[in-house]
Amino acid sequence: MNKSISSYSVLRNVITIIVFLLSMQSEMFAQQAGSPRVSTIKLLDTYVGGGTDPDRTRLKELVYEVQSSVYFYDNVVKTYGATPVSLYTDFNGFIRLPQATFQKETIELITIRIDNPSQIISTLNLSTLSAFTKLKYVYILTTFPYTLQQISQVVTSTNTPYIVVYKSDMGS
């Protein structure tokens, strides 16, 4: 009996190390040559599951719990709640965010949903988000297979402090 418990512990440790190494490898590919790229782009689940520091905990709350939010799709702003902390948009909406009129000063998380590759028409330049004074997280959600290397070609930035995470979720 103790032998099977010991084997289980060793197997669990080996899997944890493999997951850690894979996440580190994926972060190394996040910086590509060319226009300024975000320093690291991380898988959402790997990042929020990788510790209990305040940034990870807050991002997990913003993504997985109900929050006051703004939805910006097709140039239409819909706000739910008194002080929105999350913003949901698509690729086209992201490009139009600087011109959109809503309460930007309280937004901590921007979620960009991309439903198919044809929606990716340019880059996501994070340096255009200066009006979002509390912004800390940018979450890119694709509903089709999209790799870290592909996302790193789309997300650009010039000296922005944001934590950028992504997830390819075919079931969304």
N, C-alpha and C. Protein backbone atom coordinates (compact mmCIF):
# COMPACT_ATOMS: atom_id res chain seq x y z
N MET A 1 0.82 -1.20 0.00
CA MET A 1 0.00 0.00 0.00
C MET A 1 0.86 1.26 0.00
N ASN A 2 1.88 1.31 0.85
CA ASN A 2 2.76 2.47 0.90
C ASN A 2 3.52 2.65 -0.40
N LYS A 3 3.83 1.53 -1.07
CA LYS A 3 4.56 1.62 -2.33
C LYS A 3 3.74 2.35 -3.40
N SER A 4 2.42 2.11 -3.47
CA SER A 4 1.58 2.78 -4.46
C SER A 4 1.41 4.26 -4.13
N ILE A 5 1.33 4.59 -2.85
CA ILE A 5 1.23 6.01 -2.45
C ILE A 5 2.52 6.72 -2.79
N SER A 6 3.65 6.09 -2.56
CA SER A 6 4.95 6.66 -2.88
C SER A 6 5.09 6.85 -4.39
N SER A 7 4.67 5.87 -5.17
CA SER A 7 4.72 5.98 -6.62
C SER A 7 3.84 7.13 -7.11
N TYR A 8 2.68 7.27 -6.50
CA TYR A 8 1.78 8.37 -6.86
C TYR A 8 2.43 9.72 -6.59
N SER A 9 3.09 9.87 -5.47
CA SER A 9 3.76 11.13 -5.12
C SER A 9 4.87 11.45 -6.11
N VAL A 10 5.66 10.45 -6.46
CA VAL A 10 6.74 10.66 -7.42
C VAL A 10 6.16 11.06 -8.77
N LEU A 11 5.13 10.37 -9.22
CA LEU A 11 4.50 10.69 -10.50
C LEU A 11 3.94 12.11 -10.49
N ARG A 12 3.29 12.49 -9.40
CA ARG A 12 2.74 13.84 -9.29
C ARG A 12 3.85 14.88 -9.37
N ASN A 13 4.97 14.64 -8.70
CA ASN A 13 6.10 15.59 -8.74
C ASN A 13 6.69 15.68 -10.14
N VAL A 14 6.81 14.57 -10.84
CA VAL A 14 7.35 14.58 -12.19
C VAL A 14 6.43 15.37 -13.11
N ILE A 15 5.14 15.17 -13.00
CA ILE A 15 4.18 15.91 -13.83
C ILE A 15 4.25 17.40 -13.52
N THR A 16 4.35 17.76 -12.27
CA THR A 16 4.46 19.18 -11.90
C THR A 16 5.70 19.81 -12.52
N ILE A 17 6.82 19.12 -12.48
CA ILE A 17 8.06 19.63 -13.07
C ILE A 17 7.92 19.78 -14.58
N ILE A 18 7.31 18.81 -15.24
CA ILE A 18 7.11 18.89 -16.69
C ILE A 18 6.24 20.08 -17.05
N VAL A 19 5.14 20.29 -16.33
CA VAL A 19 4.25 21.43 -16.60
C VAL A 19 5.02 22.74 -16.40
N PHE A 20 5.80 22.81 -15.34
CA PHE A 20 6.59 24.02 -15.08
C PHE A 20 7.57 24.29 -16.21
N LEU A 21 8.29 23.27 -16.65
CA LEU A 21 9.25 23.45 -17.73
C LEU A 21 8.58 23.85 -19.03
N LEU A 22 7.44 23.27 -19.32
CA LEU A 22 6.71 23.64 -20.54
C LEU A 22 6.23 25.08 -20.48
N SER A 23 5.78 25.52 -19.31
CA SER A 23 5.33 26.92 -19.21
C SER A 23 6.50 27.88 -19.36
N MET A 24 7.66 27.51 -18.84
CA MET A 24 8.84 28.36 -18.99
C MET A 24 9.27 28.41 -20.45
N GLN A 25 9.21 27.28 -21.15
CA GLN A 25 9.58 27.24 -22.55
C GLN A 25 8.64 28.12 -23.37
N SER A 26 7.34 28.07 -23.09
CA SER A 26 6.39 28.87 -23.86
C SER A 26 6.60 30.35 -23.64
N GLU A 27 7.02 30.76 -22.44
CA GLU A 27 7.29 32.16 -22.18
C GLU A 27 8.52 32.64 -22.93
N MET A 28 9.50 31.76 -23.16
CA MET A 28 10.71 32.16 -23.86
C MET A 28 10.40 32.52 -25.31
N PHE A 29 9.40 31.89 -25.91
CA PHE A 29 9.05 32.17 -27.29
C PHE A 29 8.18 33.42 -27.43
N ALA A 30 7.75 34.01 -26.33
CA ALA A 30 6.83 35.14 -26.39
C ALA A 30 7.47 36.38 -26.98
N GLN A 31 8.78 36.53 -26.90
CA GLN A 31 9.43 37.69 -27.47
C GLN A 31 9.96 37.34 -28.84
N GLN A 32 9.51 38.05 -29.83
CA GLN A 32 9.94 37.84 -31.19
C GLN A 32 10.60 39.11 -31.69
N ALA A 33 11.38 39.00 -32.75
CA ALA A 33 12.02 40.17 -33.35
C ALA A 33 10.97 40.99 -34.07
N GLY A 34 11.30 42.24 -34.39
CA GLY A 34 10.38 43.10 -35.10
C GLY A 34 9.85 44.19 -34.20
N SER A 35 8.57 44.49 -34.30
CA SER A 35 7.98 45.54 -33.49
C SER A 35 8.02 45.16 -32.01
N PRO A 36 7.91 46.15 -31.13
CA PRO A 36 8.01 45.85 -29.69
C PRO A 36 6.95 44.85 -29.27
N ARG A 37 7.37 43.81 -28.61
CA ARG A 37 6.46 42.77 -28.16
C ARG A 37 6.32 42.84 -26.65
N VAL A 38 5.24 42.30 -26.16
CA VAL A 38 5.03 42.18 -24.72
C VAL A 38 6.12 41.25 -24.18
N SER A 39 6.66 41.59 -23.01
CA SER A 39 7.79 40.82 -22.49
C SER A 39 7.45 39.35 -22.31
N THR A 40 6.32 39.04 -21.73
CA THR A 40 5.89 37.64 -21.63
C THR A 40 4.39 37.56 -21.76
N ILE A 41 3.97 36.54 -22.42
CA ILE A 41 2.55 36.20 -22.52
C ILE A 41 2.43 34.83 -21.91
N LYS A 42 1.48 34.67 -21.02
CA LYS A 42 1.39 33.43 -20.27
C LYS A 42 0.05 32.75 -20.52
N LEU A 43 0.04 31.42 -20.43
CA LEU A 43 -1.21 30.68 -20.44
C LEU A 43 -1.98 31.04 -19.18
N LEU A 44 -3.26 31.34 -19.30
CA LEU A 44 -4.07 31.75 -18.15
C LEU A 44 -4.01 30.73 -17.03
N ASP A 45 -4.33 29.49 -17.33
CA ASP A 45 -4.41 28.47 -16.27
C ASP A 45 -3.07 28.23 -15.60
N THR A 46 -1.99 28.27 -16.36
CA THR A 46 -0.66 28.09 -15.79
C THR A 46 -0.32 29.25 -14.87
N TYR A 47 -0.65 30.47 -15.31
CA TYR A 47 -0.32 31.65 -14.51
C TYR A 47 -1.12 31.68 -13.20
N VAL A 48 -2.44 31.58 -13.27
CA VAL A 48 -3.24 31.69 -12.04
C VAL A 48 -3.04 30.49 -11.12
N GLY A 49 -2.65 29.36 -11.68
CA GLY A 49 -2.40 28.18 -10.86
C GLY A 49 -0.98 28.09 -10.34
N GLY A 50 -0.14 29.06 -10.69
CA GLY A 50 1.27 28.98 -10.36
C GLY A 50 1.67 29.64 -9.05
N GLY A 51 0.73 30.02 -8.23
CA GLY A 51 1.08 30.64 -6.96
C GLY A 51 -0.10 31.36 -6.35
N THR A 52 0.15 31.99 -5.20
CA THR A 52 -0.92 32.70 -4.50
C THR A 52 -0.59 34.16 -4.26
N ASP A 53 0.32 34.72 -5.06
CA ASP A 53 0.65 36.12 -4.88
C ASP A 53 -0.55 36.98 -5.28
N PRO A 54 -0.59 38.23 -4.85
CA PRO A 54 -1.77 39.08 -5.09
C PRO A 54 -2.16 39.24 -6.56
N ASP A 55 -1.18 39.34 -7.48
CA ASP A 55 -1.52 39.48 -8.90
C ASP A 55 -2.26 38.27 -9.43
N ARG A 56 -1.81 37.10 -9.10
CA ARG A 56 -2.46 35.87 -9.58
C ARG A 56 -3.85 35.73 -8.96
N THR A 57 -3.93 36.02 -7.67
CA THR A 57 -5.21 35.90 -6.97
C THR A 57 -6.23 36.88 -7.55
N ARG A 58 -5.82 38.11 -7.78
CA ARG A 58 -6.74 39.12 -8.31
C ARG A 58 -7.18 38.76 -9.73
N LEU A 59 -6.25 38.32 -10.56
CA LEU A 59 -6.63 37.93 -11.92
C LEU A 59 -7.62 36.78 -11.89
N LYS A 60 -7.40 35.82 -11.03
CA LYS A 60 -8.33 34.69 -10.91
C LYS A 60 -9.72 35.18 -10.52
N GLU A 61 -9.80 36.12 -9.58
CA GLU A 61 -11.09 36.69 -9.18
C GLU A 61 -11.76 37.40 -10.35
N LEU A 62 -10.99 38.19 -11.08
CA LEU A 62 -11.56 38.96 -12.19
C LEU A 62 -12.06 38.05 -13.32
N VAL A 63 -11.36 36.97 -13.58
CA VAL A 63 -11.74 36.09 -14.68
C VAL A 63 -12.88 35.16 -14.30
N TYR A 64 -12.85 34.61 -13.08
CA TYR A 64 -13.77 33.53 -12.74
C TYR A 64 -14.95 33.92 -11.84
N GLU A 65 -14.96 35.14 -11.32
CA GLU A 65 -16.07 35.57 -10.47
C GLU A 65 -16.84 36.70 -11.16
N VAL A 66 -18.10 36.86 -10.81
CA VAL A 66 -18.93 37.90 -11.39
C VAL A 66 -18.45 39.27 -10.91
N GLN A 67 -18.26 40.18 -11.85
CA GLN A 67 -17.75 41.52 -11.55
C GLN A 67 -18.63 42.56 -12.27
N SER A 68 -18.61 43.78 -11.78
CA SER A 68 -19.20 44.89 -12.54
C SER A 68 -18.40 45.03 -13.82
N SER A 69 -19.09 45.11 -14.96
CA SER A 69 -18.38 45.02 -16.24
C SER A 69 -18.94 45.96 -17.30
N VAL A 70 -18.09 46.20 -18.29
CA VAL A 70 -18.47 46.91 -19.50
C VAL A 70 -18.32 45.94 -20.66
N TYR A 71 -19.30 45.92 -21.55
CA TYR A 71 -19.24 45.13 -22.77
C TYR A 71 -19.20 46.11 -23.93
N PHE A 72 -18.19 45.99 -24.79
CA PHE A 72 -18.03 46.90 -25.92
C PHE A 72 -17.91 46.08 -27.19
N TYR A 73 -19.06 45.91 -27.87
CA TYR A 73 -19.13 45.16 -29.11
C TYR A 73 -19.89 45.99 -30.14
N ASP A 74 -19.42 45.99 -31.38
CA ASP A 74 -20.09 46.70 -32.49
C ASP A 74 -20.33 48.18 -32.14
N ASN A 75 -19.36 48.81 -31.51
CA ASN A 75 -19.43 50.23 -31.11
C ASN A 75 -20.56 50.53 -30.14
N VAL A 76 -21.07 49.53 -29.47
CA VAL A 76 -22.13 49.71 -28.47
C VAL A 76 -21.55 49.40 -27.10
N VAL A 77 -21.74 50.32 -26.16
CA VAL A 77 -21.26 50.16 -24.79
C VAL A 77 -22.43 49.76 -23.91
N LYS A 78 -22.27 48.68 -23.18
CA LYS A 78 -23.26 48.26 -22.19
C LYS A 78 -22.52 48.08 -20.88
N THR A 79 -22.98 48.80 -19.84
CA THR A 79 -22.33 48.73 -18.53
C THR A 79 -23.27 48.06 -17.54
N TYR A 80 -22.71 47.13 -16.78
CA TYR A 80 -23.47 46.42 -15.75
C TYR A 80 -22.74 46.61 -14.43
N GLY A 81 -23.40 47.27 -13.49
CA GLY A 81 -22.79 47.55 -12.20
C GLY A 81 -22.34 49.00 -12.11
N ALA A 82 -22.16 49.48 -10.89
CA ALA A 82 -21.85 50.90 -10.67
C ALA A 82 -20.41 51.25 -11.02
N THR A 83 -19.47 50.42 -10.64
CA THR A 83 -18.05 50.70 -10.86
C THR A 83 -17.43 49.50 -11.58
N PRO A 84 -17.46 49.51 -12.91
CA PRO A 84 -16.97 48.34 -13.64
C PRO A 84 -15.45 48.15 -13.50
N VAL A 85 -15.05 46.88 -13.31
CA VAL A 85 -13.63 46.56 -13.21
C VAL A 85 -13.16 45.66 -14.36
N SER A 86 -14.11 45.12 -15.12
CA SER A 86 -13.78 44.26 -16.25
C SER A 86 -14.39 44.83 -17.53
N LEU A 87 -13.67 44.65 -18.62
CA LEU A 87 -14.14 45.07 -19.93
C LEU A 87 -14.05 43.88 -20.86
N TYR A 88 -15.13 43.62 -21.58
CA TYR A 88 -15.18 42.53 -22.55
C TYR A 88 -15.37 43.13 -23.94
N THR A 89 -14.54 42.69 -24.88
CA THR A 89 -14.64 43.19 -26.23
C THR A 89 -14.09 42.14 -27.20
N ASP A 90 -14.13 42.47 -28.49
CA ASP A 90 -13.54 41.60 -29.49
C ASP A 90 -12.38 42.35 -30.14
N PHE A 91 -11.80 41.78 -31.18
CA PHE A 91 -10.63 42.38 -31.81
C PHE A 91 -10.94 43.77 -32.34
N ASN A 92 -12.05 43.91 -33.08
CA ASN A 92 -12.42 45.22 -33.63
C ASN A 92 -12.72 46.22 -32.53
N GLY A 93 -13.37 45.77 -31.47
CA GLY A 93 -13.66 46.65 -30.34
C GLY A 93 -12.39 47.13 -29.67
N PHE A 94 -11.40 46.26 -29.55
CA PHE A 94 -10.13 46.66 -28.94
C PHE A 94 -9.50 47.81 -29.72
N ILE A 95 -9.52 47.71 -31.03
CA ILE A 95 -8.93 48.76 -31.86
C ILE A 95 -9.65 50.10 -31.65
N ARG A 96 -10.95 50.05 -31.35
CA ARG A 96 -11.76 51.27 -31.17
C ARG A 96 -11.81 51.76 -29.73
N LEU A 97 -11.19 51.07 -28.80
CA LEU A 97 -11.27 51.45 -27.38
C LEU A 97 -10.84 52.89 -27.09
N PRO A 98 -9.78 53.40 -27.70
CA PRO A 98 -9.39 54.79 -27.36
C PRO A 98 -10.49 55.81 -27.65
N GLN A 99 -11.35 55.55 -28.64
CA GLN A 99 -12.42 56.48 -28.98
C GLN A 99 -13.72 56.20 -28.23
N ALA A 100 -13.84 55.06 -27.60
CA ALA A 100 -15.08 54.70 -26.91
C ALA A 100 -15.26 55.55 -25.66
N THR A 101 -16.52 55.85 -25.35
CA THR A 101 -16.81 56.67 -24.17
C THR A 101 -17.52 55.84 -23.11
N PHE A 102 -16.78 55.55 -22.07
CA PHE A 102 -17.30 54.88 -20.88
C PHE A 102 -16.25 55.08 -19.79
N GLN A 103 -16.57 54.65 -18.59
CA GLN A 103 -15.70 54.82 -17.44
C GLN A 103 -14.48 53.89 -17.54
N LYS A 104 -13.36 54.42 -18.03
CA LYS A 104 -12.16 53.62 -18.25
C LYS A 104 -11.25 53.57 -17.02
N GLU A 105 -11.40 54.51 -16.13
CA GLU A 105 -10.47 54.66 -15.00
C GLU A 105 -10.54 53.54 -13.98
N THR A 106 -11.60 52.75 -13.98
CA THR A 106 -11.74 51.70 -12.97
C THR A 106 -11.47 50.29 -13.52
N ILE A 107 -11.25 50.18 -14.81
CA ILE A 107 -11.06 48.88 -15.45
C ILE A 107 -9.71 48.29 -15.07
N GLU A 108 -9.74 47.05 -14.55
CA GLU A 108 -8.51 46.33 -14.19
C GLU A 108 -8.17 45.23 -15.18
N LEU A 109 -9.19 44.68 -15.86
CA LEU A 109 -9.01 43.57 -16.78
C LEU A 109 -9.73 43.85 -18.09
N ILE A 110 -9.03 43.66 -19.19
CA ILE A 110 -9.65 43.69 -20.51
C ILE A 110 -9.58 42.27 -21.07
N THR A 111 -10.76 41.73 -21.42
CA THR A 111 -10.83 40.42 -22.06
C THR A 111 -11.16 40.63 -23.53
N ILE A 112 -10.30 40.11 -24.39
CA ILE A 112 -10.48 40.24 -25.84
C ILE A 112 -10.82 38.85 -26.37
N ARG A 113 -12.04 38.71 -26.85
CA ARG A 113 -12.50 37.42 -27.37
C ARG A 113 -12.35 37.43 -28.89
N ILE A 114 -11.71 36.39 -29.41
CA ILE A 114 -11.51 36.25 -30.85
C ILE A 114 -12.13 34.93 -31.26
N ASP A 115 -13.20 35.00 -32.06
CA ASP A 115 -13.94 33.80 -32.42
C ASP A 115 -13.41 33.05 -33.63
N ASN A 116 -12.70 33.74 -34.52
CA ASN A 116 -12.07 33.03 -35.64
C ASN A 116 -10.88 33.84 -36.14
N PRO A 117 -9.95 33.19 -36.81
CA PRO A 117 -8.72 33.87 -37.24
C PRO A 117 -8.95 35.05 -38.17
N SER A 118 -10.04 35.05 -38.91
CA SER A 118 -10.30 36.15 -39.85
C SER A 118 -10.56 37.48 -39.12
N GLN A 119 -10.86 37.43 -37.83
CA GLN A 119 -11.07 38.66 -37.05
C GLN A 119 -9.76 39.37 -36.75
N ILE A 120 -8.65 38.69 -36.87
CA ILE A 120 -7.34 39.28 -36.56
C ILE A 120 -6.89 40.07 -37.77
N ILE A 121 -7.14 41.39 -37.72
CA ILE A 121 -6.90 42.22 -38.89
C ILE A 121 -5.68 43.12 -38.75
N SER A 122 -5.10 43.20 -37.56
CA SER A 122 -3.90 44.00 -37.33
C SER A 122 -3.29 43.53 -36.02
N THR A 123 -2.58 44.42 -35.34
CA THR A 123 -2.00 44.06 -34.04
C THR A 123 -2.83 44.63 -32.91
N LEU A 124 -2.66 44.04 -31.74
CA LEU A 124 -3.25 44.57 -30.52
C LEU A 124 -2.16 45.40 -29.83
N ASN A 125 -2.20 46.70 -30.04
CA ASN A 125 -1.17 47.58 -29.50
C ASN A 125 -1.57 48.03 -28.10
N LEU A 126 -0.95 47.44 -27.09
CA LEU A 126 -1.32 47.73 -25.71
C LEU A 126 -0.95 49.14 -25.27
N SER A 127 -0.07 49.80 -25.99
CA SER A 127 0.30 51.15 -25.60
C SER A 127 -0.83 52.15 -25.87
N THR A 128 -1.90 51.73 -26.53
CA THR A 128 -3.05 52.62 -26.77
C THR A 128 -4.00 52.66 -25.57
N LEU A 129 -3.67 51.96 -24.50
CA LEU A 129 -4.58 51.82 -23.37
C LEU A 129 -4.26 52.76 -22.20
N SER A 130 -3.59 53.84 -22.45
CA SER A 130 -3.15 54.73 -21.37
C SER A 130 -4.31 55.34 -20.58
N ALA A 131 -5.48 55.45 -21.14
CA ALA A 131 -6.63 56.01 -20.42
C ALA A 131 -7.15 55.05 -19.35
N PHE A 132 -6.75 53.80 -19.41
CA PHE A 132 -7.16 52.80 -18.43
C PHE A 132 -6.14 52.81 -17.28
N THR A 133 -6.31 53.75 -16.37
CA THR A 133 -5.28 54.00 -15.35
C THR A 133 -5.12 52.88 -14.33
N LYS A 134 -6.15 52.05 -14.12
CA LYS A 134 -6.05 50.92 -13.18
C LYS A 134 -5.82 49.59 -13.88
N LEU A 135 -5.70 49.62 -15.20
CA LEU A 135 -5.55 48.39 -15.97
C LEU A 135 -4.28 47.65 -15.57
N LYS A 136 -4.44 46.37 -15.29
CA LYS A 136 -3.30 45.55 -14.91
C LYS A 136 -3.20 44.28 -15.73
N TYR A 137 -4.36 43.80 -16.27
CA TYR A 137 -4.40 42.51 -16.94
C TYR A 137 -5.07 42.62 -18.31
N VAL A 138 -4.51 41.90 -19.28
CA VAL A 138 -5.11 41.75 -20.59
C VAL A 138 -5.22 40.25 -20.84
N TYR A 139 -6.45 39.80 -21.11
CA TYR A 139 -6.74 38.38 -21.30
C TYR A 139 -7.24 38.18 -22.71
N ILE A 140 -6.54 37.37 -23.49
CA ILE A 140 -6.94 37.08 -24.86
C ILE A 140 -7.52 35.67 -24.89
N LEU A 141 -8.77 35.58 -25.30
CA LEU A 141 -9.48 34.30 -25.35
C LEU A 141 -9.83 34.00 -26.80
N THR A 142 -9.30 32.90 -27.31
CA THR A 142 -9.65 32.48 -28.67
C THR A 142 -10.52 31.23 -28.58
N THR A 143 -11.45 31.11 -29.52
CA THR A 143 -12.33 29.93 -29.55
C THR A 143 -11.89 28.96 -30.65
N PHE A 144 -10.64 29.05 -31.02
CA PHE A 144 -10.04 28.18 -32.02
C PHE A 144 -8.59 27.96 -31.59
N PRO A 145 -7.94 26.93 -32.11
CA PRO A 145 -6.55 26.68 -31.72
C PRO A 145 -5.65 27.84 -32.14
N TYR A 146 -4.93 28.38 -31.18
CA TYR A 146 -4.03 29.51 -31.43
C TYR A 146 -2.86 29.37 -30.47
N THR A 147 -1.66 29.42 -30.98
CA THR A 147 -0.49 29.15 -30.16
C THR A 147 0.09 30.43 -29.56
N LEU A 148 0.94 30.25 -28.59
CA LEU A 148 1.64 31.36 -27.98
C LEU A 148 2.45 32.12 -29.02
N GLN A 149 3.11 31.42 -29.90
CA GLN A 149 3.91 32.09 -30.92
C GLN A 149 3.03 32.95 -31.83
N GLN A 150 1.85 32.47 -32.19
CA GLN A 150 0.94 33.26 -33.02
C GLN A 150 0.44 34.48 -32.27
N ILE A 151 0.08 34.31 -31.01
CA ILE A 151 -0.41 35.44 -30.22
C ILE A 151 0.69 36.48 -30.04
N SER A 152 1.91 36.03 -29.83
CA SER A 152 3.00 36.99 -29.62
C SER A 152 3.27 37.83 -30.86
N GLN A 153 2.85 37.36 -32.03
CA GLN A 153 2.98 38.16 -33.24
C GLN A 153 1.91 39.23 -33.35
N VAL A 154 0.82 39.05 -32.62
CA VAL A 154 -0.32 39.97 -32.70
C VAL A 154 -0.26 41.04 -31.61
N VAL A 155 0.23 40.70 -30.44
CA VAL A 155 0.22 41.62 -29.30
C VAL A 155 1.51 42.43 -29.28
N THR A 156 1.37 43.75 -29.39
CA THR A 156 2.54 44.63 -29.33
C THR A 156 2.37 45.63 -28.19
N SER A 157 3.49 46.20 -27.80
CA SER A 157 3.47 47.08 -26.66
C SER A 157 4.76 47.89 -26.63
N THR A 158 4.69 49.05 -26.02
CA THR A 158 5.88 49.83 -25.77
C THR A 158 5.88 50.20 -24.31
N ASN A 159 6.69 49.53 -23.53
CA ASN A 159 6.83 49.82 -22.09
C ASN A 159 5.50 49.82 -21.34
N THR A 160 4.71 48.80 -21.52
CA THR A 160 3.47 48.68 -20.76
C THR A 160 3.64 47.66 -19.65
N PRO A 161 3.04 47.93 -18.49
CA PRO A 161 3.25 47.06 -17.33
C PRO A 161 2.22 45.92 -17.20
N TYR A 162 1.45 45.67 -18.23
CA TYR A 162 0.34 44.74 -18.11
C TYR A 162 0.79 43.29 -18.04
N ILE A 163 0.02 42.50 -17.32
CA ILE A 163 0.18 41.05 -17.31
C ILE A 163 -0.75 40.54 -18.41
N VAL A 164 -0.17 39.89 -19.41
CA VAL A 164 -0.95 39.40 -20.55
C VAL A 164 -1.04 37.88 -20.48
N VAL A 165 -2.28 37.40 -20.50
CA VAL A 165 -2.53 35.96 -20.46
C VAL A 165 -3.43 35.60 -21.64
N TYR A 166 -3.40 34.33 -22.01
CA TYR A 166 -4.28 33.88 -23.10
C TYR A 166 -4.77 32.48 -22.82
N LYS A 167 -5.82 32.15 -23.56
CA LYS A 167 -6.37 30.80 -23.49
C LYS A 167 -7.05 30.51 -24.82
N SER A 168 -6.76 29.35 -25.38
CA SER A 168 -7.48 28.87 -26.56
C SER A 168 -8.48 27.85 -26.05
N ASP A 169 -9.75 28.21 -26.13
CA ASP A 169 -10.81 27.38 -25.57
C ASP A 169 -11.85 27.10 -26.64
N MET A 170 -11.75 25.94 -27.26
CA MET A 170 -12.66 25.60 -28.35
C MET A 170 -14.10 25.44 -27.89
N GLY A 171 -14.34 25.32 -26.60
CA GLY A 171 -15.69 25.12 -26.10
C GLY A 171 -16.40 26.40 -25.70
N SER A 172 -15.76 27.54 -25.86
CA SER A 172 -16.37 28.81 -25.42
C SER A 172 -17.42 29.30 -26.37
